[in-house]
Amino acid sequence: NKKKPKCPVEKRFFMQNDKEKLLIKYMQGDMVLTKRPFRYLADRIGANEDEVIDVIRQLKEQTVIRKVGAILRHQKAGLTENAMVVWAVPDEDCERVGTMLAAYRDITHCYERTPPLEGKYNLYTMIHRSEKGLEKFIKKISLTVGIEDFLILKSTEEFKKSSMEYY
């Protein structure tokens, strides 16, 4: 008599109740800016604030949701000097250069990509600034980190700042 292997994922993962589905629906869109966003959500679904926080915690533990966070629309926030800069960094120097780049306040993303773009651009940074002089700033960074081979891919427009909608 063979025992059926136990599923590592709780069945509840696949069966949210109506209140949970409604909560997810309201959370996946833009949330209202308020001091008590979870109370606002609770009022919308007919629950109390503590219930909403508990349900969110459970959904996170079950990996139904990954995180609750804000998306900054950087262009509207005044960060109009934006570019992705791709750097050709020797593999043995990638950690040192990446650590230096990530320390800059204006660099919001810094990560290694494989395979490298054009076979050599392996370190990617995203720069968001409100001050003019982006190219001069990047050249200064280049001199500081000791990497002269880079490409600047300027942002001219934001295309998407939205999440998937499931309910």
Protein backbone atom coordinates (compact mmCIF):
# COMPACT_ATOMS: atom_id res chain seq x y z
CA ASN A 1 0.00 0.00 0.00
CA LYS A 2 1.83 3.11 -1.22
CA LYS A 3 1.36 6.38 0.60
CA LYS A 4 0.66 9.38 -1.54
CA PRO A 5 3.48 11.98 -1.14
CA LYS A 6 2.42 15.01 0.86
CA CYS A 7 2.15 18.19 -1.19
CA PRO A 8 4.62 20.78 0.18
CA VAL A 9 2.21 23.63 -0.63
CA GLU A 10 -0.89 24.02 1.50
CA LYS A 11 -4.11 23.48 -0.41
CA ARG A 12 -5.35 26.81 0.99
CA PHE A 13 -2.78 28.43 -1.30
CA PHE A 14 -5.09 27.72 -4.21
CA MET A 15 -8.37 28.49 -2.49
CA GLN A 16 -8.60 32.05 -1.21
CA ASN A 17 -11.95 32.98 0.25
CA ASP A 18 -13.97 35.89 -1.17
CA LYS A 19 -12.63 38.35 1.43
CA GLU A 20 -9.02 37.41 0.63
CA LYS A 21 -9.66 37.71 -3.12
CA LEU A 22 -11.18 41.15 -2.58
CA LEU A 23 -8.21 42.21 -0.45
CA ILE A 24 -5.78 41.03 -3.15
CA LYS A 25 -7.83 42.88 -5.76
CA TYR A 26 -7.58 46.18 -3.84
CA MET A 27 -3.89 45.68 -3.03
CA GLN A 28 -2.77 45.02 -6.61
CA GLY A 29 -3.82 48.46 -7.80
CA ASP A 30 -2.84 51.89 -6.60
CA MET A 31 -3.44 52.21 -2.88
CA VAL A 32 -4.89 55.38 -1.43
CA LEU A 33 -2.33 57.61 0.29
CA THR A 34 -3.46 57.61 3.88
CA LYS A 35 -1.90 57.25 7.33
CA ARG A 36 -3.66 53.89 7.84
CA PRO A 37 -3.71 52.08 4.47
CA PHE A 38 -4.56 48.71 6.03
CA ARG A 39 -7.52 50.22 7.88
CA TYR A 40 -8.67 51.74 4.59
CA LEU A 41 -8.45 48.29 2.96
CA ALA A 42 -10.26 46.72 5.91
CA ASP A 43 -13.14 49.17 5.52
CA ARG A 44 -13.41 48.30 1.83
CA ILE A 45 -13.68 44.53 2.41
CA GLY A 46 -15.72 44.56 5.61
CA ALA A 47 -12.97 43.54 8.02
CA ASN A 48 -10.89 45.20 10.70
CA GLU A 49 -7.31 46.42 10.36
CA ASP A 50 -5.80 43.56 12.40
CA GLU A 51 -7.59 40.98 10.25
CA VAL A 52 -6.20 42.57 7.10
CA ILE A 53 -2.67 42.58 8.48
CA ASP A 54 -3.03 38.92 9.55
CA VAL A 55 -4.35 37.88 6.13
CA ILE A 56 -1.50 39.73 4.38
CA ARG A 57 1.01 38.02 6.66
CA GLN A 58 -0.54 34.58 5.91
CA LEU A 59 -0.60 35.24 2.16
CA LYS A 60 3.07 36.23 2.32
CA GLU A 61 3.95 33.07 4.26
CA GLN A 62 2.11 31.01 1.65
CA THR A 63 3.94 32.95 -1.10
CA VAL A 64 0.65 34.04 -2.62
CA ILE A 65 2.03 37.57 -2.40
CA ARG A 66 5.74 38.40 -2.35
CA LYS A 67 5.77 41.86 -0.86
CA VAL A 68 3.84 45.02 -0.18
CA GLY A 69 5.67 48.05 -1.49
CA ALA A 70 5.52 51.39 -3.19
CA ILE A 71 6.48 52.18 -6.77
CA LEU A 72 8.09 55.56 -7.25
CA ARG A 73 7.26 57.26 -10.53
CA HIS A 74 10.69 58.85 -10.75
CA GLN A 75 9.92 61.21 -13.66
CA LYS A 76 6.97 62.71 -11.75
CA ALA A 77 9.12 62.91 -8.60
CA GLY A 78 11.56 65.22 -10.41
CA LEU A 79 14.24 62.64 -11.20
CA THR A 80 14.42 63.57 -14.87
CA GLU A 81 18.06 62.71 -15.57
CA ASN A 82 17.86 58.92 -15.91
CA ALA A 83 20.00 56.34 -17.64
CA MET A 84 21.06 52.75 -17.53
CA VAL A 85 24.82 52.49 -17.74
CA VAL A 86 26.36 49.19 -18.72
CA TRP A 87 29.98 48.65 -17.73
CA ALA A 88 32.63 46.28 -19.13
CA VAL A 89 34.22 45.05 -15.92
CA PRO A 90 36.78 42.23 -15.71
CA ASP A 91 35.19 39.27 -13.89
CA GLU A 92 37.78 39.34 -11.12
CA ASP A 93 37.01 43.03 -10.46
CA CYS A 94 33.21 42.86 -10.63
CA GLU A 95 32.56 42.69 -6.88
CA ARG A 96 34.87 45.62 -6.08
CA VAL A 97 33.44 47.83 -8.83
CA GLY A 98 29.86 46.78 -8.07
CA THR A 99 30.29 47.67 -4.39
CA MET A 100 31.70 51.09 -5.31
CA LEU A 101 28.91 51.80 -7.80
CA ALA A 102 26.16 50.66 -5.42
CA ALA A 103 27.44 53.16 -2.83
CA TYR A 104 26.42 56.14 -5.00
CA ARG A 105 23.17 57.73 -3.82
CA ASP A 106 22.01 58.32 -7.42
CA ILE A 107 22.51 54.68 -8.43
CA THR A 108 19.32 52.82 -7.55
CA HIS A 109 20.13 49.46 -9.16
CA CYS A 110 23.46 47.72 -9.61
CA TYR A 111 23.68 44.13 -10.79
CA GLU A 112 25.76 41.70 -12.82
CA ARG A 113 24.27 40.14 -15.96
CA THR A 114 25.30 37.00 -17.74
CA PRO A 115 25.85 36.57 -20.54
CA PRO A 116 27.36 40.02 -20.94
CA LEU A 117 25.92 42.40 -23.53
CA GLU A 118 28.11 42.34 -26.66
CA GLY A 119 30.30 39.83 -24.82
CA LYS A 120 31.73 42.39 -22.39
CA TYR A 121 29.15 44.66 -20.67
CA ASN A 122 28.42 42.65 -17.54
CA LEU A 123 27.65 45.21 -14.81
CA TYR A 124 24.44 47.23 -15.07
CA THR A 125 23.54 50.35 -13.11
CA MET A 126 20.43 52.51 -13.13
CA ILE A 127 20.97 56.19 -12.36
CA HIS A 128 18.17 58.57 -11.35
CA ARG A 129 19.05 62.24 -10.77
CA SER A 130 17.32 65.59 -10.57
CA GLU A 131 20.47 67.57 -11.36
CA LYS A 132 21.63 68.26 -14.91
CA GLY A 133 24.96 66.96 -16.14
CA LEU A 134 24.34 63.23 -16.30
CA GLU A 135 27.20 62.50 -18.73
CA LYS A 136 29.66 64.46 -16.60
CA PHE A 137 28.50 62.59 -13.50
CA ILE A 138 28.95 59.23 -15.24
CA LYS A 139 32.44 60.19 -16.45
CA LYS A 140 33.39 61.10 -12.87
CA ILE A 141 32.12 57.71 -11.68
CA SER A 142 34.10 56.02 -14.46
CA LEU A 143 37.32 57.67 -13.30
CA THR A 144 36.61 56.81 -9.66
CA VAL A 145 35.94 53.10 -10.27
CA GLY A 146 38.63 52.79 -12.96
CA ILE A 147 36.36 51.51 -15.75
CA GLU A 148 36.51 53.45 -19.01
CA ASP A 149 34.48 51.10 -21.21
CA PHE A 150 30.77 51.76 -20.70
CA LEU A 151 27.60 52.55 -22.61
CA ILE A 152 24.95 55.08 -21.56
CA LEU A 153 21.37 54.06 -22.37
CA LYS A 154 19.27 57.13 -21.58
CA SER A 155 15.69 56.94 -20.36
CA THR A 156 13.45 59.22 -22.36
CA GLU A 157 10.06 57.88 -21.32
CA GLU A 158 8.49 55.64 -18.68
CA PHE A 159 6.56 52.87 -20.37
CA LYS A 160 5.24 50.73 -17.53
CA LYS A 161 4.91 51.07 -13.78
CA SER A 162 2.14 48.64 -13.03
CA SER A 163 1.69 45.16 -11.63
CA MET A 164 -0.22 42.17 -12.89
CA GLU A 165 -3.88 42.08 -11.95
CA TYR A 166 -5.38 38.71 -11.04
CA TYR A 167 -8.79 39.48 -9.52
